[in-house]
Amino acid sequence: MSAKTVLIVDDEPAIREMIAVALEMADYQVLEADNAQTAHAIALDRKPDLMLLDWMMPGVSGIELARRLKREEATAEMPIILLTAKGEEDNKVQGLEAGADDYITKPFSPRELVARLKAVLRRATPPGIEEAVEVGGLKLDPSSHRVTSHGRALEIGPTEYRLLQFFMTHQERAYSRSQLLDQVWGGNVYVEERTVDVHIRRLRKSLGEAHQHLIQTVRGTGYRFSMKE
């Protein structure tokens, strides 16, 4: 498995350096940003596995950035740990309501930070989901977040990727649209069932003629992933 990548977002270089050293010693790859705008660009471009985000930054605050990332499809699933000197209970609640997965109050020890980071990543990565799966020349590799067709890389959007990953790890069973919404989008997200049809259509288009037949429509039920005709 390739090393997990963590984006450290803090306007204080000394704090970024302290965290970076601790994470690199724990075998994490580190990216850094000193403001929300840079962090947002890196999040979209590099797709880190987790973001350590300082609450109090000049300009756009960490909490504002967290809300923005959770609203955008490309970054909605990225785990976020807020770092801040604010220790009051209401601020913790505010951070979690903004979409943060955990909250660490400064000052903290590098050892505590790494332990909390590992716990959040475990929750964000269900068992077995890191293993590559291949069906008839179609390969999905979670460690590199790539999908290939007979070795050729395919361009697949983030929602289509999650949908394909669910299908490839749950083959031969028919799922209703509501079940797919719960499994892929999450039970706390309101999305109309016809949205599933839109993403299924996009997924088939991305898979192309070689593999689009694997996503089968089950009349009166929904969809299934199958090698059988």
Protein backbone atom coordinates (compact mmCIF):
# COMPACT_ATOMS: atom_id res chain seq x y z
CA MET A 1 0.00 0.00 0.00
CA SER A 2 1.38 3.45 -0.85
CA ALA A 3 1.90 5.97 1.95
CA LYS A 4 -1.06 8.13 2.91
CA THR A 5 -0.78 11.82 2.01
CA VAL A 6 -1.63 14.51 4.57
CA LEU A 7 -2.09 18.20 3.75
CA ILE A 8 -1.04 20.51 6.60
CA VAL A 9 -2.76 23.90 6.47
CA ASP A 10 -1.42 26.46 8.96
CA ASP A 11 -0.13 30.01 8.56
CA GLU A 12 2.67 29.44 11.11
CA PRO A 13 5.76 27.84 9.48
CA ALA A 14 7.09 26.51 12.82
CA ILE A 15 3.88 24.57 13.49
CA ARG A 16 3.81 23.17 9.93
CA GLU A 17 7.42 22.05 10.31
CA MET A 18 6.79 20.39 13.67
CA ILE A 19 3.79 18.48 12.30
CA ALA A 20 5.59 17.59 9.05
CA VAL A 21 8.53 16.06 10.92
CA ALA A 22 6.19 13.97 13.10
CA LEU A 23 4.18 12.73 10.12
CA GLU A 24 7.22 11.93 7.97
CA MET A 25 8.68 9.91 10.86
CA ALA A 26 5.38 7.98 10.88
CA ASP A 27 5.75 7.30 7.13
CA TYR A 28 3.17 9.77 5.84
CA GLN A 29 3.68 11.90 2.75
CA VAL A 30 3.27 15.58 3.56
CA LEU A 31 1.90 18.55 1.60
CA GLU A 32 1.81 22.08 3.03
CA ALA A 33 -0.22 25.26 2.60
CA ASP A 34 -0.17 28.53 4.55
CA ASN A 35 -3.61 29.83 3.53
CA ALA A 36 -7.06 28.59 2.56
CA GLN A 37 -6.78 29.45 -1.14
CA THR A 38 -3.58 27.45 -1.62
CA ALA A 39 -5.00 24.60 0.46
CA HIS A 40 -8.14 24.45 -1.67
CA ALA A 41 -6.10 24.28 -4.88
CA ILE A 42 -3.85 21.52 -3.49
CA ALA A 43 -6.89 19.57 -2.24
CA LEU A 44 -8.41 19.57 -5.73
CA ASP A 45 -5.15 18.87 -7.56
CA ARG A 46 -3.41 16.36 -5.29
CA LYS A 47 -6.41 14.80 -3.48
CA PRO A 48 -4.69 14.16 -0.12
CA ASP A 49 -6.03 11.38 2.11
CA LEU A 50 -6.53 13.78 5.03
CA MET A 51 -6.27 17.48 5.84
CA LEU A 52 -4.93 18.96 9.09
CA LEU A 53 -6.54 22.39 9.11
CA ASP A 54 -5.81 25.33 11.39
CA TRP A 55 -8.99 27.12 12.52
CA MET A 56 -7.55 30.64 12.86
CA MET A 57 -5.91 31.86 9.66
CA PRO A 58 -5.81 35.32 8.07
CA GLY A 59 -8.31 35.84 5.27
CA VAL A 60 -10.48 32.75 4.85
CA SER A 61 -10.60 30.85 8.15
CA GLY A 62 -10.14 27.11 8.52
CA ILE A 63 -13.79 26.60 9.43
CA GLU A 64 -14.91 28.44 6.29
CA LEU A 65 -12.60 26.28 4.18
CA ALA A 66 -13.91 23.10 5.86
CA ARG A 67 -17.49 24.07 4.97
CA ARG A 68 -16.48 24.78 1.36
CA LEU A 69 -14.64 21.48 0.97
CA LYS A 70 -17.59 19.51 2.35
CA ARG A 71 -19.97 21.25 -0.10
CA GLU A 72 -17.88 20.39 -3.18
CA GLU A 73 -18.24 16.90 -4.64
CA ALA A 74 -14.53 16.44 -5.37
CA THR A 75 -13.52 17.01 -1.74
CA ALA A 76 -16.65 16.12 0.24
CA GLU A 77 -15.22 12.77 1.37
CA MET A 78 -11.82 14.11 2.45
CA PRO A 79 -11.35 13.66 6.22
CA ILE A 80 -10.53 16.91 8.06
CA ILE A 81 -8.97 17.37 11.51
CA LEU A 82 -9.22 20.92 12.85
CA LEU A 83 -6.24 22.31 14.78
CA THR A 84 -6.94 25.27 17.04
CA ALA A 85 -6.26 26.97 20.35
CA LYS A 86 -10.02 27.26 20.88
CA GLY A 87 -10.96 24.77 23.59
CA GLU A 88 -14.49 25.80 24.46
CA GLU A 89 -17.22 23.22 23.95
CA ASP A 90 -19.32 25.34 21.57
CA ASN A 91 -16.33 25.87 19.27
CA LYS A 92 -15.73 22.13 19.14
CA VAL A 93 -19.36 21.57 18.19
CA GLN A 94 -19.13 24.31 15.56
CA GLY A 95 -16.09 22.64 14.04
CA LEU A 96 -17.73 19.23 13.89
CA GLU A 97 -20.92 20.70 12.42
CA ALA A 98 -18.79 22.29 9.67
CA GLY A 99 -17.81 18.78 8.62
CA ALA A 100 -14.58 18.19 10.55
CA ASP A 101 -13.97 14.56 11.50
CA ASP A 102 -11.98 15.39 14.64
CA TYR A 103 -10.74 18.34 16.64
CA ILE A 104 -7.35 18.76 18.36
CA THR A 105 -6.69 21.66 20.71
CA LYS A 106 -3.26 23.32 20.73
CA PRO A 107 -0.82 22.66 22.25
CA PHE A 108 -0.75 18.95 21.39
CA SER A 109 1.98 16.34 21.28
CA PRO A 110 3.09 14.91 17.90
CA ARG A 111 2.36 11.45 19.32
CA GLU A 112 -1.26 12.40 20.09
CA LEU A 113 -1.66 13.98 16.66
CA VAL A 114 -0.43 10.86 14.82
CA ALA A 115 -2.68 8.61 16.93
CA ARG A 116 -5.76 10.74 16.24
CA LEU A 117 -4.87 10.96 12.55
CA LYS A 118 -4.60 7.17 12.28
CA ALA A 119 -7.98 6.78 13.98
CA VAL A 120 -9.70 9.17 11.55
CA LEU A 121 -8.12 7.43 8.54
CA ARG A 122 -9.28 4.03 9.84
CA ARG A 123 -12.85 5.31 10.11
CA ALA A 124 -12.64 6.84 6.62
CA THR A 125 -11.32 3.64 5.03
CA PRO A 126 -13.58 0.59 5.51
CA PRO A 127 -11.83 -2.80 5.78
CA GLY A 128 -10.74 -4.25 2.44
CA ILE A 129 -11.31 -1.06 0.53
CA GLU A 130 -7.56 -0.55 -0.02
CA GLU A 131 -7.24 -3.75 -2.03
CA ALA A 132 -7.15 -3.53 -5.82
CA VAL A 133 -9.93 -5.39 -7.61
CA GLU A 134 -9.90 -6.55 -11.25
CA VAL A 135 -12.71 -7.91 -13.41
CA GLY A 136 -12.22 -8.84 -17.06
CA GLY A 137 -9.38 -6.39 -17.61
CA LEU A 138 -11.07 -3.59 -15.65
CA LYS A 139 -8.93 -2.72 -12.61
CA LEU A 140 -9.66 -0.34 -9.75
CA ASP A 141 -6.73 0.43 -7.46
CA PRO A 142 -7.71 2.42 -4.33
CA SER A 143 -4.09 3.00 -3.26
CA SER A 144 -3.42 5.07 -6.41
CA HIS A 145 -7.09 6.04 -6.93
CA ARG A 146 -6.86 4.86 -10.57
CA VAL A 147 -9.12 2.86 -12.84
CA THR A 148 -7.60 1.14 -15.86
CA SER A 149 -8.98 -0.84 -18.80
CA HIS A 150 -6.45 -3.44 -19.98
CA GLY A 151 -3.71 -1.18 -18.62
CA ARG A 152 -5.08 2.06 -20.11
CA ALA A 153 -6.09 4.75 -17.61
CA LEU A 154 -9.75 5.81 -17.63
CA GLU A 155 -11.06 9.26 -16.73
CA ILE A 156 -13.71 8.77 -14.04
CA GLY A 157 -15.34 11.39 -11.81
CA PRO A 158 -15.26 11.07 -7.99
CA THR A 159 -18.87 9.91 -7.61
CA GLU A 160 -18.56 7.47 -10.51
CA TYR A 161 -15.36 6.15 -8.93
CA ARG A 162 -17.13 5.45 -5.60
CA LEU A 163 -20.04 3.89 -7.46
CA LEU A 164 -17.73 1.62 -9.45
CA GLN A 165 -15.79 0.68 -6.32
CA PHE A 166 -18.99 -0.34 -4.57
CA PHE A 167 -20.16 -2.37 -7.57
CA MET A 168 -16.83 -4.14 -8.06
CA THR A 169 -16.70 -5.16 -4.39
CA HIS A 170 -20.38 -6.24 -4.37
CA GLN A 171 -20.75 -8.19 -7.61
CA GLU A 172 -23.76 -10.16 -8.87
CA ARG A 173 -26.28 -8.61 -6.50
CA ALA A 174 -29.03 -6.23 -7.64
CA TYR A 175 -29.30 -2.94 -5.73
CA SER A 176 -32.16 -0.48 -5.76
CA ARG A 177 -31.49 3.21 -6.32
CA SER A 178 -32.20 3.97 -2.65
CA GLN A 179 -29.72 1.28 -1.56
CA LEU A 180 -27.07 2.73 -3.84
CA LEU A 181 -27.74 6.20 -2.45
CA ASP A 182 -27.21 4.91 1.09
CA GLN A 183 -24.08 2.95 0.23
CA VAL A 184 -22.35 5.40 -2.12
CA TRP A 185 -23.65 8.86 -1.20
CA GLY A 186 -24.33 8.15 2.48
CA GLY A 187 -27.56 7.98 4.44
CA ASN A 188 -27.34 11.59 5.69
CA VAL A 189 -27.24 13.14 2.21
CA TYR A 190 -30.43 14.12 0.44
CA VAL A 191 -30.17 13.27 -3.24
CA GLU A 192 -33.03 12.37 -5.58
CA GLU A 193 -33.08 8.76 -6.76
CA ARG A 194 -32.94 9.79 -10.43
CA THR A 195 -29.47 11.21 -9.68
CA VAL A 196 -28.31 7.59 -9.52
CA ASP A 197 -29.40 7.10 -13.15
CA VAL A 198 -27.36 10.15 -14.22
CA HIS A 199 -24.20 8.82 -12.57
CA ILE A 200 -24.78 5.30 -13.90
CA ARG A 201 -24.97 6.77 -17.40
CA ARG A 202 -21.74 8.73 -16.82
CA LEU A 203 -20.04 5.64 -15.42
CA ARG A 204 -20.98 3.53 -18.42
CA LYS A 205 -19.71 6.24 -20.75
CA SER A 206 -16.40 6.37 -18.85
CA LEU A 207 -16.02 2.59 -18.99
CA GLY A 208 -16.49 2.58 -22.76
CA GLU A 209 -17.51 -0.30 -25.01
CA ALA A 210 -15.08 -2.73 -23.37
CA HIS A 211 -16.74 -2.66 -19.95
CA GLN A 212 -20.00 -0.71 -19.94
CA HIS A 213 -21.95 -3.98 -20.21
CA LEU A 214 -20.80 -4.88 -16.68
CA ILE A 215 -23.20 -2.27 -15.25
CA GLN A 216 -26.56 -3.92 -15.86
CA THR A 217 -30.05 -2.50 -15.48
CA VAL A 218 -32.38 -4.76 -13.50
CA ARG A 219 -35.94 -3.91 -14.49
CA GLY A 220 -38.17 -3.02 -11.57
CA THR A 221 -35.23 -3.07 -9.14
CA GLY A 222 -32.17 -1.00 -10.03
CA TYR A 223 -28.69 -2.05 -11.08
CA ARG A 224 -26.09 -4.77 -10.64
CA PHE A 225 -22.47 -5.39 -11.59
CA SER A 226 -22.02 -8.73 -13.36
CA MET A 227 -19.80 -10.57 -15.83
CA LYS A 228 -22.78 -12.72 -16.80
CA GLU A 229 -25.01 -11.71 -19.70
